[in-house]
């Protein structure tokens, strides 16, 4: 795994309150974006299929989180998971709790 890819992913996660790694054509990604949008949550999206280093980014995310699928969502530097994890977190209040945390930069 290249250090540049690791640095890129870690920087994106650190610099964005909600970091969304997905693919432009993925229906689960679209659903997750709709959930975030409906709650008025701003997020940074990295579309793995549209970036030249996307495959390497996805490989690093697998190494980091154990999750190969997209979307792969981080909130306040904490790994939330994918679409189904987002739905559960929204329903049980975990999403609001995660969003309310402040992180140190």
C-alpha atoms as a PDB file:
ATOM      1  CA  UNK A   1       0.000   0.000   0.000  1.00  0.00           C
ATOM      2  CA  UNK A   2       1.488   3.324  -1.014  1.00  0.00           C
ATOM      3  CA  UNK A   3       2.082   5.913   1.661  1.00  0.00           C
ATOM      4  CA  UNK A   4       0.515   8.534  -0.630  1.00  0.00           C
ATOM      5  CA  UNK A   5      -2.806   6.652  -0.696  1.00  0.00           C
ATOM      6  CA  UNK A   6      -2.789   6.187   3.067  1.00  0.00           C
ATOM      7  CA  UNK A   7      -1.990   9.881   3.540  1.00  0.00           C
ATOM      8  CA  UNK A   8      -4.768  10.918   1.133  1.00  0.00           C
ATOM      9  CA  UNK A   9      -7.448   8.791   2.818  1.00  0.00           C
ATOM     10  CA  UNK A  10      -6.424   9.763   6.348  1.00  0.00           C
ATOM     11  CA  UNK A  11      -6.360  13.462   5.387  1.00  0.00           C
ATOM     12  CA  UNK A  12      -9.826  13.278   3.816  1.00  0.00           C
ATOM     13  CA  UNK A  13     -11.212  11.554   6.924  1.00  0.00           C
ATOM     14  CA  UNK A  14      -9.530  14.046   9.265  1.00  0.00           C
ATOM     15  CA  UNK A  15     -10.464  17.209   7.327  1.00  0.00           C
ATOM     16  CA  UNK A  16     -14.149  16.402   6.696  1.00  0.00           C
ATOM     17  CA  UNK A  17     -16.737  16.034   9.437  1.00  0.00           C
ATOM     18  CA  UNK A  18     -18.571  13.508   7.257  1.00  0.00           C
ATOM     19  CA  UNK A  19     -16.417  11.673   4.714  1.00  0.00           C
ATOM     20  CA  UNK A  20     -18.213   9.496   2.178  1.00  0.00           C
ATOM     21  CA  UNK A  21     -16.327   7.006   0.010  1.00  0.00           C
ATOM     22  CA  UNK A  22     -18.610   5.623  -2.682  1.00  0.00           C
ATOM     23  CA  UNK A  23     -19.128   4.889  -6.354  1.00  0.00           C
ATOM     24  CA  UNK A  24     -21.143   7.107  -8.659  1.00  0.00           C
ATOM     25  CA  UNK A  25     -23.344   4.285  -9.974  1.00  0.00           C
ATOM     26  CA  UNK A  26     -23.959   2.479  -6.659  1.00  0.00           C
ATOM     27  CA  UNK A  27     -27.629   2.418  -5.559  1.00  0.00           C
ATOM     28  CA  UNK A  28     -26.626   1.979  -1.899  1.00  0.00           C
ATOM     29  CA  UNK A  29     -24.410   5.055  -2.165  1.00  0.00           C
ATOM     30  CA  UNK A  30     -27.254   7.053  -3.693  1.00  0.00           C
ATOM     31  CA  UNK A  31     -29.571   5.978  -0.882  1.00  0.00           C
ATOM     32  CA  UNK A  32     -27.020   6.907   1.781  1.00  0.00           C
ATOM     33  CA  UNK A  33     -26.465  10.305   0.154  1.00  0.00           C
ATOM     34  CA  UNK A  34     -30.225  10.857   0.159  1.00  0.00           C
ATOM     35  CA  UNK A  35     -30.420  10.014   3.871  1.00  0.00           C
ATOM     36  CA  UNK A  36     -27.601  12.439   4.684  1.00  0.00           C
ATOM     37  CA  UNK A  37     -29.103  15.118   2.437  1.00  0.00           C
ATOM     38  CA  UNK A  38     -32.578  14.733   3.945  1.00  0.00           C
ATOM     39  CA  UNK A  39     -31.081  15.390   7.373  1.00  0.00           C
ATOM     40  CA  UNK A  40     -29.228  18.437   6.023  1.00  0.00           C
ATOM     41  CA  UNK A  41     -25.857  16.828   6.677  1.00  0.00           C
ATOM     42  CA  UNK A  42     -23.032  18.177   4.550  1.00  0.00           C
ATOM     43  CA  UNK A  43     -20.459  15.624   3.476  1.00  0.00           C
ATOM     44  CA  UNK A  44     -17.435  15.266   1.267  1.00  0.00           C
ATOM     45  CA  UNK A  45     -17.803  12.509  -1.329  1.00  0.00           C
ATOM     46  CA  UNK A  46     -14.910  10.649  -2.901  1.00  0.00           C
ATOM     47  CA  UNK A  47     -16.207   8.664  -5.878  1.00  0.00           C
ATOM     48  CA  UNK A  48     -13.870   5.685  -6.087  1.00  0.00           C
ATOM     49  CA  UNK A  49     -14.879   4.824  -9.663  1.00  0.00           C
ATOM     50  CA  UNK A  50     -14.123   8.340 -10.927  1.00  0.00           C
ATOM     51  CA  UNK A  51     -10.675   8.800  -9.353  1.00  0.00           C
ATOM     52  CA  UNK A  52      -7.466   7.488 -10.890  1.00  0.00           C
ATOM     53  CA  UNK A  53      -6.312   6.100  -7.523  1.00  0.00           C
ATOM     54  CA  UNK A  54      -9.770   4.790  -6.622  1.00  0.00           C
ATOM     55  CA  UNK A  55      -8.897   1.090  -6.599  1.00  0.00           C
ATOM     56  CA  UNK A  56      -5.946   1.739  -4.293  1.00  0.00           C
ATOM     57  CA  UNK A  57      -8.133   3.879  -2.037  1.00  0.00           C
ATOM     58  CA  UNK A  58     -10.673   1.067  -1.818  1.00  0.00           C
ATOM     59  CA  UNK A  59      -7.877  -1.407  -1.006  1.00  0.00           C
ATOM     60  CA  UNK A  60      -6.653   0.851   1.795  1.00  0.00           C
ATOM     61  CA  UNK A  61     -10.180   1.275   3.173  1.00  0.00           C
ATOM     62  CA  UNK A  62     -10.495  -2.521   3.312  1.00  0.00           C
ATOM     63  CA  UNK A  63      -7.223  -2.699   5.234  1.00  0.00           C
ATOM     64  CA  UNK A  64      -8.309   0.125   7.567  1.00  0.00           C
ATOM     65  CA  UNK A  65     -11.910  -0.907   8.238  1.00  0.00           C
ATOM     66  CA  UNK A  66     -12.330  -4.504   7.106  1.00  0.00           C
ATOM     67  CA  UNK A  67     -15.082  -3.251   4.781  1.00  0.00           C
ATOM     68  CA  UNK A  68     -14.700  -3.716   1.018  1.00  0.00           C
ATOM     69  CA  UNK A  69     -18.165  -2.458   0.052  1.00  0.00           C
ATOM     70  CA  UNK A  70     -19.346   1.081  -0.566  1.00  0.00           C
ATOM     71  CA  UNK A  71     -20.488   3.392   0.733  1.00  0.00           C
ATOM     72  CA  UNK A  72     -17.848   3.585   3.401  1.00  0.00           C
ATOM     73  CA  UNK A  73     -18.751   6.443   5.742  1.00  0.00           C
ATOM     74  CA  UNK A  74     -16.742   8.212   8.441  1.00  0.00           C
ATOM     75  CA  UNK A  75     -18.177  10.758  10.868  1.00  0.00           C
ATOM     76  CA  UNK A  76     -15.850  12.879  12.991  1.00  0.00           C
ATOM     77  CA  UNK A  77     -13.011  10.488  12.043  1.00  0.00           C
ATOM     78  CA  UNK A  78     -14.999   7.476  13.340  1.00  0.00           C
ATOM     79  CA  UNK A  79     -15.928   4.681  10.946  1.00  0.00           C
ATOM     80  CA  UNK A  80     -19.716   4.329  10.730  1.00  0.00           C
ATOM     81  CA  UNK A  81     -19.870   1.704   7.971  1.00  0.00           C
ATOM     82  CA  UNK A  82     -22.119   1.439   4.954  1.00  0.00           C
ATOM     83  CA  UNK A  83     -25.688   2.160   3.907  1.00  0.00           C
ATOM     84  CA  UNK A  84     -27.357  -0.333   6.252  1.00  0.00           C
ATOM     85  CA  UNK A  85     -25.210   0.927   9.157  1.00  0.00           C
ATOM     86  CA  UNK A  86     -26.284   4.488   8.326  1.00  0.00           C
ATOM     87  CA  UNK A  87     -29.968   3.495   8.314  1.00  0.00           C
ATOM     88  CA  UNK A  88     -29.648   1.805  11.712  1.00  0.00           C
ATOM     89  CA  UNK A  89     -27.661   4.733  13.141  1.00  0.00           C
ATOM     90  CA  UNK A  90     -30.289   7.187  11.928  1.00  0.00           C
ATOM     91  CA  UNK A  91     -33.104   5.146  13.447  1.00  0.00           C
ATOM     92  CA  UNK A  92     -31.491   4.489  16.847  1.00  0.00           C
ATOM     93  CA  UNK A  93     -30.034   7.986  17.345  1.00  0.00           C
ATOM     94  CA  UNK A  94     -26.368   6.983  16.981  1.00  0.00           C
ATOM     95  CA  UNK A  95     -26.014   9.204  13.912  1.00  0.00           C
ATOM     96  CA  UNK A  96     -27.013  12.328  15.844  1.00  0.00           C
ATOM     97  CA  UNK A  97     -24.642  11.379  18.672  1.00  0.00           C
ATOM     98  CA  UNK A  98     -21.736  10.847  16.239  1.00  0.00           C
ATOM     99  CA  UNK A  99     -22.443  14.180  14.530  1.00  0.00           C
ATOM    100  CA  UNK A 100     -22.495  16.025  17.828  1.00  0.00           C
ATOM    101  CA  UNK A 101     -18.943  15.043  18.784  1.00  0.00           C
ATOM    102  CA  UNK A 102     -16.228  17.606  18.245  1.00  0.00           C
ATOM    103  CA  UNK A 103     -12.872  16.410  17.035  1.00  0.00           C
ATOM    104  CA  UNK A 104      -9.494  17.958  17.598  1.00  0.00           C
ATOM    105  CA  UNK A 105      -7.553  18.772  14.469  1.00  0.00           C
END
